[in-house]
Amino acid sequence: MNEAGRAGLPQAFFLPTPTGQRFCLFHPAQGLRRQGSVLYLHPFAEELNTTRRVVAQQARALAQAGFAVLQIDLKGCGDSEGEFADTTWDAWLEDAQLAHHWLAEHAPGPRWLWGMRGGTLLATALAARLSHPTHLLLWQPVINGQQMLQQFLRLHAAGQWLTDGNKSLGKDATPAQTLASGA
């Protein structure tokens, strides 16, 4: 493959953070006209996996349009270090802020935060923390984080009930109790 062909390929790397390595995929802007940079903040839990293909397609399209795109797997998600159950909202915000800083150093121009589903909550929270204006691109935004979490808890509890009849917790276990038990 020639050098021009390689330039369009995404670059995988691990971004060091105080709490471990975060897997990142950087799509360099292509063409002569640079439009700015986009930090992608993914949805949570299984939605992360079900959206990977469409996100990869969009990241490539944005890169071809002149935007540098950085995808990060937050702590405990995807190929990053840490356990999903052990992470916190603040840890995800810190990861996002570090990724935003990395992108600012490597891709000049206007900055965008692109969030999908639960990632839109993170994108808006990060935008409020930043000292300079940032554009937002929100795909299927979640309006109420508490409601989204309750839906995930219900789905998890229903899955456990279907799997083992909820024998170990009793019939009256709440979704929170089910999750707290490690089931």
N, C-alpha and C. Protein backbone atom coordinates (compact mmCIF):
# COMPACT_ATOMS: atom_id res chain seq x y z
N MET A 1 0.85 -1.18 0.00
CA MET A 1 0.00 0.00 0.00
C MET A 1 0.90 1.24 0.00
N ASN A 2 0.54 2.23 -0.82
CA ASN A 2 1.36 3.44 -0.88
C ASN A 2 1.06 4.36 0.31
N GLU A 3 1.88 5.40 0.44
CA GLU A 3 1.76 6.33 1.58
C GLU A 3 0.40 7.03 1.61
N ALA A 4 -0.13 7.38 0.43
CA ALA A 4 -1.44 8.04 0.37
C ALA A 4 -2.53 7.12 0.89
N GLY A 5 -2.44 5.82 0.56
CA GLY A 5 -3.43 4.87 1.05
C GLY A 5 -3.38 4.70 2.55
N ARG A 6 -2.16 4.71 3.11
CA ARG A 6 -2.00 4.57 4.56
C ARG A 6 -2.53 5.78 5.32
N ALA A 7 -2.44 6.96 4.71
CA ALA A 7 -2.86 8.19 5.39
C ALA A 7 -4.34 8.15 5.77
N GLY A 8 -5.15 7.43 5.00
CA GLY A 8 -6.57 7.38 5.28
C GLY A 8 -6.97 6.32 6.29
N LEU A 9 -6.03 5.49 6.71
CA LEU A 9 -6.34 4.43 7.66
C LEU A 9 -6.40 4.98 9.08
N PRO A 10 -7.33 4.47 9.88
CA PRO A 10 -7.35 4.89 11.29
C PRO A 10 -6.12 4.36 12.02
N GLN A 11 -5.70 5.10 13.02
CA GLN A 11 -4.53 4.74 13.82
C GLN A 11 -5.00 4.33 15.22
N ALA A 12 -4.72 3.09 15.59
CA ALA A 12 -5.09 2.59 16.92
C ALA A 12 -3.95 2.84 17.89
N PHE A 13 -4.29 3.25 19.11
CA PHE A 13 -3.27 3.46 20.14
C PHE A 13 -3.95 3.43 21.51
N PHE A 14 -3.13 3.36 22.54
CA PHE A 14 -3.64 3.43 23.91
C PHE A 14 -3.24 4.77 24.50
N LEU A 15 -4.22 5.49 24.99
CA LEU A 15 -4.01 6.78 25.64
C LEU A 15 -3.77 6.54 27.13
N PRO A 16 -2.60 6.95 27.65
CA PRO A 16 -2.36 6.75 29.08
C PRO A 16 -3.20 7.71 29.92
N THR A 17 -3.78 7.20 30.99
CA THR A 17 -4.51 8.02 31.95
C THR A 17 -4.01 7.65 33.34
N PRO A 18 -4.33 8.44 34.35
CA PRO A 18 -3.90 8.09 35.71
C PRO A 18 -4.44 6.74 36.20
N THR A 19 -5.52 6.25 35.59
CA THR A 19 -6.11 4.99 36.05
C THR A 19 -6.00 3.87 35.03
N GLY A 20 -5.09 4.00 34.07
CA GLY A 20 -4.88 2.92 33.10
C GLY A 20 -4.95 3.40 31.66
N GLN A 21 -4.80 2.45 30.76
CA GLN A 21 -4.77 2.74 29.33
C GLN A 21 -6.18 2.76 28.74
N ARG A 22 -6.42 3.70 27.83
CA ARG A 22 -7.70 3.77 27.12
C ARG A 22 -7.45 3.54 25.64
N PHE A 23 -8.18 2.59 25.09
CA PHE A 23 -8.04 2.31 23.67
C PHE A 23 -8.66 3.44 22.87
N CYS A 24 -7.92 3.90 21.86
CA CYS A 24 -8.39 4.98 20.99
C CYS A 24 -8.18 4.59 19.53
N LEU A 25 -9.03 5.12 18.70
CA LEU A 25 -8.91 4.98 17.26
C LEU A 25 -8.98 6.38 16.67
N PHE A 26 -7.90 6.80 16.02
CA PHE A 26 -7.81 8.15 15.46
C PHE A 26 -7.91 8.08 13.95
N HIS A 27 -8.88 8.79 13.41
CA HIS A 27 -9.08 8.91 11.97
C HIS A 27 -8.56 10.29 11.56
N PRO A 28 -7.38 10.36 10.94
CA PRO A 28 -6.85 11.67 10.54
C PRO A 28 -7.72 12.31 9.46
N ALA A 29 -7.80 13.62 9.51
CA ALA A 29 -8.53 14.35 8.47
C ALA A 29 -7.84 14.12 7.13
N GLN A 30 -8.64 13.97 6.09
CA GLN A 30 -8.09 13.74 4.76
C GLN A 30 -8.36 14.96 3.88
N GLY A 31 -7.62 15.07 2.82
CA GLY A 31 -7.80 16.17 1.89
C GLY A 31 -7.08 17.42 2.35
N LEU A 32 -7.20 18.45 1.56
CA LEU A 32 -6.48 19.70 1.83
C LEU A 32 -7.24 20.62 2.77
N ARG A 33 -8.54 20.52 2.79
CA ARG A 33 -9.35 21.44 3.59
C ARG A 33 -9.67 20.81 4.95
N ARG A 34 -9.00 21.26 5.98
CA ARG A 34 -9.22 20.75 7.34
C ARG A 34 -10.40 21.49 7.97
N GLN A 35 -11.35 20.72 8.48
CA GLN A 35 -12.58 21.29 9.03
C GLN A 35 -12.57 21.43 10.55
N GLY A 36 -11.72 20.67 11.22
CA GLY A 36 -11.70 20.67 12.67
C GLY A 36 -11.56 19.25 13.18
N SER A 37 -11.95 19.04 14.43
CA SER A 37 -11.80 17.72 15.05
C SER A 37 -13.06 17.32 15.79
N VAL A 38 -13.27 16.01 15.88
CA VAL A 38 -14.47 15.45 16.50
C VAL A 38 -14.04 14.38 17.50
N LEU A 39 -14.50 14.51 18.74
CA LEU A 39 -14.31 13.47 19.76
C LEU A 39 -15.61 12.71 19.89
N TYR A 40 -15.56 11.40 19.63
CA TYR A 40 -16.74 10.55 19.72
C TYR A 40 -16.84 9.94 21.11
N LEU A 41 -18.02 10.08 21.73
CA LEU A 41 -18.30 9.50 23.05
C LEU A 41 -19.42 8.48 22.88
N HIS A 42 -19.08 7.24 23.12
CA HIS A 42 -19.94 6.11 22.79
C HIS A 42 -21.10 5.93 23.77
N PRO A 43 -22.13 5.16 23.34
CA PRO A 43 -23.19 4.77 24.26
C PRO A 43 -22.66 3.72 25.24
N PHE A 44 -23.49 3.35 26.19
CA PHE A 44 -23.04 2.47 27.26
C PHE A 44 -23.59 1.06 27.09
N ALA A 45 -22.93 0.15 27.78
CA ALA A 45 -23.32 -1.27 27.85
C ALA A 45 -23.42 -1.86 26.44
N GLU A 46 -24.42 -2.66 26.20
CA GLU A 46 -24.51 -3.38 24.93
C GLU A 46 -24.71 -2.44 23.74
N GLU A 47 -25.25 -1.24 23.99
CA GLU A 47 -25.42 -0.29 22.89
C GLU A 47 -24.08 0.08 22.26
N LEU A 48 -23.00 0.03 23.03
CA LEU A 48 -21.67 0.29 22.48
C LEU A 48 -21.37 -0.70 21.36
N ASN A 49 -21.62 -1.96 21.59
CA ASN A 49 -21.32 -2.99 20.59
C ASN A 49 -22.25 -2.92 19.39
N THR A 50 -23.52 -2.64 19.61
CA THR A 50 -24.47 -2.64 18.50
C THR A 50 -24.32 -1.43 17.59
N THR A 51 -23.59 -0.41 18.02
CA THR A 51 -23.43 0.80 17.20
C THR A 51 -22.06 0.91 16.55
N ARG A 52 -21.17 -0.02 16.82
CA ARG A 52 -19.79 0.10 16.31
C ARG A 52 -19.71 0.26 14.79
N ARG A 53 -20.48 -0.50 14.05
CA ARG A 53 -20.38 -0.46 12.59
C ARG A 53 -20.80 0.90 12.04
N VAL A 54 -21.95 1.39 12.44
CA VAL A 54 -22.42 2.68 11.92
C VAL A 54 -21.51 3.82 12.35
N VAL A 55 -20.96 3.73 13.55
CA VAL A 55 -20.02 4.76 14.03
C VAL A 55 -18.74 4.72 13.22
N ALA A 56 -18.23 3.53 12.92
CA ALA A 56 -17.02 3.42 12.10
C ALA A 56 -17.24 4.02 10.72
N GLN A 57 -18.40 3.76 10.14
CA GLN A 57 -18.72 4.32 8.82
C GLN A 57 -18.78 5.84 8.88
N GLN A 58 -19.41 6.37 9.91
CA GLN A 58 -19.53 7.83 10.03
C GLN A 58 -18.18 8.47 10.32
N ALA A 59 -17.36 7.83 11.14
CA ALA A 59 -16.03 8.38 11.43
C ALA A 59 -15.19 8.46 10.16
N ARG A 60 -15.27 7.42 9.33
CA ARG A 60 -14.54 7.45 8.05
C ARG A 60 -15.08 8.56 7.15
N ALA A 61 -16.39 8.73 7.10
CA ALA A 61 -16.99 9.78 6.27
C ALA A 61 -16.57 11.16 6.76
N LEU A 62 -16.55 11.36 8.07
CA LEU A 62 -16.11 12.65 8.62
C LEU A 62 -14.65 12.91 8.28
N ALA A 63 -13.81 11.89 8.38
CA ALA A 63 -12.39 12.04 8.05
C ALA A 63 -12.23 12.41 6.57
N GLN A 64 -13.00 11.77 5.71
CA GLN A 64 -12.93 12.10 4.28
C GLN A 64 -13.40 13.52 4.01
N ALA A 65 -14.27 14.05 4.87
CA ALA A 65 -14.77 15.42 4.72
C ALA A 65 -13.83 16.45 5.35
N GLY A 66 -12.72 16.00 5.93
CA GLY A 66 -11.73 16.92 6.47
C GLY A 66 -11.73 17.08 7.98
N PHE A 67 -12.48 16.23 8.68
CA PHE A 67 -12.49 16.26 10.14
C PHE A 67 -11.61 15.15 10.69
N ALA A 68 -10.78 15.47 11.67
CA ALA A 68 -10.05 14.44 12.41
C ALA A 68 -11.01 13.90 13.47
N VAL A 69 -11.09 12.58 13.59
CA VAL A 69 -12.04 11.96 14.52
C VAL A 69 -11.28 11.06 15.49
N LEU A 70 -11.56 11.23 16.78
CA LEU A 70 -10.99 10.36 17.81
C LEU A 70 -12.11 9.61 18.49
N GLN A 71 -12.03 8.27 18.43
CA GLN A 71 -12.95 7.41 19.16
C GLN A 71 -12.18 6.88 20.37
N ILE A 72 -12.79 6.93 21.54
CA ILE A 72 -12.16 6.42 22.75
C ILE A 72 -13.09 5.41 23.41
N ASP A 73 -12.52 4.31 23.87
CA ASP A 73 -13.25 3.38 24.73
C ASP A 73 -12.99 3.85 26.16
N LEU A 74 -14.03 4.30 26.84
CA LEU A 74 -13.89 4.82 28.19
C LEU A 74 -13.51 3.71 29.16
N LYS A 75 -13.10 4.09 30.36
CA LYS A 75 -12.69 3.13 31.39
C LYS A 75 -13.76 2.05 31.57
N GLY A 76 -13.30 0.79 31.52
CA GLY A 76 -14.21 -0.34 31.73
C GLY A 76 -15.07 -0.68 30.53
N CYS A 77 -14.81 -0.05 29.40
CA CYS A 77 -15.61 -0.29 28.19
C CYS A 77 -14.71 -0.74 27.05
N GLY A 78 -15.24 -1.56 26.18
CA GLY A 78 -14.51 -1.97 24.99
C GLY A 78 -13.16 -2.57 25.33
N ASP A 79 -12.11 -2.03 24.69
CA ASP A 79 -10.76 -2.56 24.85
C ASP A 79 -9.91 -1.76 25.84
N SER A 80 -10.53 -0.91 26.63
CA SER A 80 -9.80 -0.14 27.63
C SER A 80 -9.68 -0.90 28.94
N GLU A 81 -8.69 -0.50 29.74
CA GLU A 81 -8.50 -1.13 31.05
C GLU A 81 -9.64 -0.75 31.99
N GLY A 82 -9.80 -1.58 33.00
CA GLY A 82 -10.80 -1.33 34.03
C GLY A 82 -12.04 -2.19 33.83
N GLU A 83 -12.83 -2.25 34.86
CA GLU A 83 -14.08 -3.00 34.83
C GLU A 83 -15.24 -2.03 34.79
N PHE A 84 -16.23 -2.34 33.98
CA PHE A 84 -17.42 -1.50 33.85
C PHE A 84 -18.07 -1.26 35.22
N ALA A 85 -18.15 -2.31 36.02
CA ALA A 85 -18.80 -2.20 37.33
C ALA A 85 -18.03 -1.33 38.31
N ASP A 86 -16.74 -1.13 38.07
CA ASP A 86 -15.90 -0.37 39.00
C ASP A 86 -15.70 1.09 38.60
N THR A 87 -16.24 1.50 37.49
CA THR A 87 -15.99 2.86 37.04
C THR A 87 -17.04 3.83 37.59
N THR A 88 -16.78 5.11 37.38
CA THR A 88 -17.70 6.15 37.85
C THR A 88 -17.93 7.15 36.72
N TRP A 89 -18.96 7.94 36.89
CA TRP A 89 -19.26 9.01 35.93
C TRP A 89 -18.09 9.98 35.84
N ASP A 90 -17.54 10.35 36.99
CA ASP A 90 -16.40 11.27 36.99
C ASP A 90 -15.19 10.68 36.28
N ALA A 91 -14.97 9.38 36.41
CA ALA A 91 -13.85 8.74 35.71
C ALA A 91 -14.06 8.83 34.20
N TRP A 92 -15.29 8.62 33.75
CA TRP A 92 -15.57 8.74 32.32
C TRP A 92 -15.37 10.18 31.85
N LEU A 93 -15.81 11.14 32.66
CA LEU A 93 -15.60 12.55 32.29
C LEU A 93 -14.11 12.88 32.20
N GLU A 94 -13.33 12.36 33.13
CA GLU A 94 -11.88 12.59 33.08
C GLU A 94 -11.26 11.96 31.83
N ASP A 95 -11.70 10.75 31.49
CA ASP A 95 -11.23 10.12 30.25
C ASP A 95 -11.57 10.98 29.04
N ALA A 96 -12.80 11.45 29.00
CA ALA A 96 -13.24 12.27 27.87
C ALA A 96 -12.45 13.57 27.79
N GLN A 97 -12.17 14.16 28.94
CA GLN A 97 -11.41 15.41 28.96
C GLN A 97 -9.97 15.18 28.49
N LEU A 98 -9.35 14.08 28.91
CA LEU A 98 -8.00 13.76 28.44
C LEU A 98 -7.99 13.52 26.93
N ALA A 99 -8.99 12.82 26.43
CA ALA A 99 -9.08 12.57 24.99
C ALA A 99 -9.28 13.87 24.23
N HIS A 100 -10.10 14.74 24.77
CA HIS A 100 -10.33 16.05 24.14
C HIS A 100 -9.03 16.85 24.09
N HIS A 101 -8.27 16.81 25.16
CA HIS A 101 -6.98 17.51 25.21
C HIS A 101 -6.01 16.91 24.17
N TRP A 102 -5.95 15.58 24.09
CA TRP A 102 -5.09 14.93 23.10
C TRP A 102 -5.47 15.37 21.69
N LEU A 103 -6.76 15.39 21.42
CA LEU A 103 -7.24 15.76 20.09
C LEU A 103 -6.90 17.22 19.77
N ALA A 104 -7.02 18.09 20.76
CA ALA A 104 -6.68 19.51 20.56
C ALA A 104 -5.21 19.67 20.18
N GLU A 105 -4.35 18.84 20.74
CA GLU A 105 -2.92 18.91 20.43
C GLU A 105 -2.58 18.34 19.05
N HIS A 106 -3.39 17.41 18.57
CA HIS A 106 -3.07 16.71 17.33
C HIS A 106 -3.90 17.13 16.12
N ALA A 107 -4.94 17.89 16.32
CA ALA A 107 -5.81 18.29 15.20
C ALA A 107 -6.36 19.69 15.46
N PRO A 108 -5.78 20.69 14.81
CA PRO A 108 -6.24 22.06 15.03
C PRO A 108 -7.61 22.32 14.41
N GLY A 109 -8.19 23.42 14.81
CA GLY A 109 -9.47 23.84 14.23
C GLY A 109 -10.61 23.73 15.21
N PRO A 110 -11.81 24.03 14.73
CA PRO A 110 -13.00 23.95 15.59
C PRO A 110 -13.17 22.54 16.15
N ARG A 111 -13.66 22.48 17.36
CA ARG A 111 -13.82 21.20 18.05
C ARG A 111 -15.30 20.82 18.17
N TRP A 112 -15.52 19.53 18.02
CA TRP A 112 -16.86 18.96 18.14
C TRP A 112 -16.83 17.82 19.15
N LEU A 113 -17.92 17.68 19.89
CA LEU A 113 -18.17 16.51 20.72
C LEU A 113 -19.34 15.78 20.09
N TRP A 114 -19.12 14.53 19.74
CA TRP A 114 -20.15 13.71 19.09
C TRP A 114 -20.52 12.60 20.06
N GLY A 115 -21.74 12.62 20.53
CA GLY A 115 -22.21 11.59 21.44
C GLY A 115 -23.36 10.82 20.83
N MET A 116 -23.43 9.54 21.19
CA MET A 116 -24.55 8.70 20.76
C MET A 116 -25.20 8.11 22.00
N ARG A 117 -26.56 8.20 22.03
CA ARG A 117 -27.36 7.67 23.15
C ARG A 117 -26.80 8.15 24.49
N GLY A 118 -26.35 7.26 25.36
CA GLY A 118 -25.82 7.67 26.66
C GLY A 118 -24.60 8.56 26.56
N GLY A 119 -23.86 8.44 25.47
CA GLY A 119 -22.70 9.29 25.25
C GLY A 119 -23.07 10.76 25.08
N THR A 120 -24.34 11.03 24.73
CA THR A 120 -24.76 12.43 24.62
C THR A 120 -24.78 13.10 25.99
N LEU A 121 -25.10 12.34 27.02
CA LEU A 121 -25.08 12.89 28.38
C LEU A 121 -23.65 13.27 28.77
N LEU A 122 -22.72 12.43 28.40
CA LEU A 122 -21.31 12.69 28.68
C LEU A 122 -20.81 13.89 27.85
N ALA A 123 -21.21 13.96 26.60
CA ALA A 123 -20.78 15.06 25.73
C ALA A 123 -21.25 16.41 26.27
N THR A 124 -22.49 16.49 26.71
CA THR A 124 -22.99 17.77 27.23
C THR A 124 -22.35 18.11 28.57
N ALA A 125 -22.08 17.09 29.39
CA ALA A 125 -21.40 17.35 30.67
C ALA A 125 -19.97 17.83 30.43
N LEU A 126 -19.28 17.24 29.46
CA LEU A 126 -17.92 17.67 29.14
C LEU A 126 -17.93 19.08 28.56
N ALA A 127 -18.87 19.37 27.68
CA ALA A 127 -18.95 20.70 27.08
C ALA A 127 -19.10 21.77 28.16
N ALA A 128 -19.84 21.47 29.21
CA ALA A 128 -20.03 22.42 30.31
C ALA A 128 -18.74 22.65 31.09
N ARG A 129 -17.84 21.67 31.09
CA ARG A 129 -16.56 21.77 31.82
C ARG A 129 -15.49 22.53 31.04
N LEU A 130 -15.60 22.54 29.73
CA LEU A 130 -14.53 23.10 28.90
C LEU A 130 -14.52 24.62 28.97
N SER A 131 -13.33 25.19 28.84
CA SER A 131 -13.17 26.64 28.95
C SER A 131 -13.40 27.36 27.62
N HIS A 132 -13.55 26.63 26.54
CA HIS A 132 -13.78 27.26 25.24
C HIS A 132 -15.00 26.63 24.58
N PRO A 133 -15.62 27.35 23.65
CA PRO A 133 -16.82 26.81 23.00
C PRO A 133 -16.53 25.53 22.22
N THR A 134 -17.47 24.64 22.25
CA THR A 134 -17.36 23.37 21.54
C THR A 134 -18.70 23.07 20.89
N HIS A 135 -18.65 22.61 19.66
CA HIS A 135 -19.88 22.23 18.96
C HIS A 135 -20.33 20.86 19.45
N LEU A 136 -21.63 20.60 19.37
CA LEU A 136 -22.18 19.31 19.79
C LEU A 136 -22.88 18.64 18.61
N LEU A 137 -22.63 17.36 18.46
CA LEU A 137 -23.34 16.52 17.50
C LEU A 137 -23.94 15.38 18.32
N LEU A 138 -25.25 15.37 18.48
CA LEU A 138 -25.91 14.43 19.38
C LEU A 138 -26.80 13.48 18.56
N TRP A 139 -26.43 12.20 18.57
CA TRP A 139 -27.19 11.17 17.86
C TRP A 139 -28.05 10.42 18.86
N GLN A 140 -29.35 10.36 18.59
CA GLN A 140 -30.31 9.69 19.45
C GLN A 140 -30.07 10.07 20.91
N PRO A 141 -30.15 11.37 21.20
CA PRO A 141 -29.80 11.82 22.56
C PRO A 141 -30.74 11.26 23.62
N VAL A 142 -30.15 10.97 24.76
CA VAL A 142 -30.89 10.56 25.94
C VAL A 142 -31.25 11.84 26.69
N ILE A 143 -32.50 12.02 26.97
CA ILE A 143 -32.96 13.23 27.65
C ILE A 143 -32.89 13.08 29.16
N ASN A 144 -33.14 11.87 29.64
CA ASN A 144 -33.21 11.63 31.08
C ASN A 144 -32.30 10.45 31.43
N GLY A 145 -31.15 10.74 32.03
CA GLY A 145 -30.19 9.70 32.37
C GLY A 145 -30.73 8.70 33.37
N GLN A 146 -31.52 9.17 34.33
CA GLN A 146 -32.08 8.27 35.34
C GLN A 146 -33.02 7.26 34.68
N GLN A 147 -33.83 7.74 33.75
CA GLN A 147 -34.75 6.84 33.05
C GLN A 147 -33.97 5.81 32.22
N MET A 148 -32.89 6.24 31.56
CA MET A 148 -32.07 5.32 30.78
C MET A 148 -31.49 4.24 31.68
N LEU A 149 -30.96 4.64 32.84
CA LEU A 149 -30.39 3.67 33.77
C LEU A 149 -31.44 2.69 34.27
N GLN A 150 -32.64 3.18 34.58
CA GLN A 150 -33.70 2.30 35.03
C GLN A 150 -34.06 1.27 33.96
N GLN A 151 -34.06 1.70 32.69
CA GLN A 151 -34.35 0.76 31.61
C GLN A 151 -33.28 -0.33 31.52
N PHE A 152 -32.00 0.07 31.67
CA PHE A 152 -30.93 -0.93 31.67
C PHE A 152 -31.08 -1.88 32.85
N LEU A 153 -31.41 -1.36 34.02
CA LEU A 153 -31.57 -2.21 35.20
C LEU A 153 -32.72 -3.19 35.00
N ARG A 154 -33.81 -2.72 34.42
CA ARG A 154 -34.95 -3.60 34.17
C ARG A 154 -34.59 -4.71 33.18
N LEU A 155 -33.89 -4.34 32.12
CA LEU A 155 -33.47 -5.34 31.14
C LEU A 155 -32.55 -6.38 31.77
N HIS A 156 -31.63 -5.91 32.60
CA HIS A 156 -30.72 -6.84 33.27
C HIS A 156 -31.48 -7.77 34.21
N ALA A 157 -32.39 -7.22 34.99
CA ALA A 157 -33.17 -8.04 35.93
C ALA A 157 -34.03 -9.05 35.18
N ALA A 158 -34.64 -8.61 34.07
CA ALA A 158 -35.46 -9.53 33.28
C ALA A 158 -34.60 -10.65 32.70
N GLY A 159 -33.41 -10.31 32.24
CA GLY A 159 -32.50 -11.32 31.72
C GLY A 159 -32.12 -12.33 32.78
N GLN A 160 -31.85 -11.86 33.98
CA GLN A 160 -31.51 -12.77 35.09
C GLN A 160 -32.69 -13.66 35.44
N TRP A 161 -33.87 -13.09 35.46
CA TRP A 161 -35.05 -13.86 35.79
C TRP A 161 -35.27 -14.96 34.76
N LEU A 162 -35.07 -14.62 33.49
CA LEU A 162 -35.24 -15.62 32.44
C LEU A 162 -34.16 -16.69 32.49
N THR A 163 -32.96 -16.30 32.90
CA THR A 163 -31.84 -17.23 32.93
C THR A 163 -31.97 -18.25 34.06
N ASP A 164 -32.23 -17.75 35.28
CA ASP A 164 -32.24 -18.68 36.42
C ASP A 164 -33.51 -18.59 37.26
N GLY A 165 -34.53 -17.96 36.73
CA GLY A 165 -35.77 -17.86 37.48
C GLY A 165 -35.65 -17.01 38.72
N ASN A 166 -34.56 -16.24 38.81
CA ASN A 166 -34.32 -15.35 39.95
C ASN A 166 -34.30 -16.14 41.26
N LYS A 167 -33.86 -17.39 41.22
CA LYS A 167 -33.87 -18.28 42.39
C LYS A 167 -32.99 -17.76 43.52
N SER A 168 -31.82 -17.27 43.17
CA SER A 168 -30.86 -16.90 44.22
C SER A 168 -31.26 -15.64 44.96
N LEU A 169 -32.10 -14.80 44.38
CA LEU A 169 -32.44 -13.54 45.03
C LEU A 169 -33.86 -13.52 45.58
N GLY A 170 -34.67 -14.44 45.18
CA GLY A 170 -36.05 -14.40 45.59
C GLY A 170 -36.88 -13.61 44.59
N LYS A 171 -38.18 -13.82 44.65
CA LYS A 171 -39.07 -13.20 43.66
C LYS A 171 -39.19 -11.69 43.82
N ASP A 172 -38.92 -11.17 45.01
CA ASP A 172 -39.13 -9.75 45.26
C ASP A 172 -37.88 -8.90 45.09
N ALA A 173 -36.83 -9.44 44.51
CA ALA A 173 -35.59 -8.68 44.33
C ALA A 173 -35.81 -7.54 43.34
N THR A 174 -35.33 -6.37 43.71
CA THR A 174 -35.40 -5.22 42.82
C THR A 174 -34.26 -5.31 41.80
N PRO A 175 -34.37 -4.58 40.70
CA PRO A 175 -33.24 -4.58 39.75
C PRO A 175 -31.94 -4.15 40.40
N ALA A 176 -32.00 -3.16 41.28
CA ALA A 176 -30.79 -2.70 41.96
C ALA A 176 -30.20 -3.82 42.83
N GLN A 177 -31.06 -4.58 43.51
CA GLN A 177 -30.57 -5.70 44.32
C GLN A 177 -29.94 -6.77 43.44
N THR A 178 -30.56 -7.02 42.30
CA THR A 178 -30.02 -8.00 41.38
C THR A 178 -28.63 -7.59 40.92
N LEU A 179 -28.46 -6.32 40.54
CA LEU A 179 -27.15 -5.84 40.10
C LEU A 179 -26.14 -5.85 41.25
N ALA A 180 -26.59 -5.43 42.43
CA ALA A 180 -25.68 -5.36 43.58
C ALA A 180 -25.18 -6.74 43.97
N SER A 181 -25.97 -7.77 43.70
CA SER A 181 -25.56 -9.12 44.06
C SER A 181 -24.50 -9.67 43.11
N GLY A 182 -24.23 -8.94 42.03
CA GLY A 182 -23.26 -9.40 41.06
C GLY A 182 -23.85 -10.35 40.04
N ALA A 183 -25.15 -10.52 40.08
CA ALA A 183 -25.80 -11.44 39.13
C ALA A 183 -25.86 -10.84 37.75
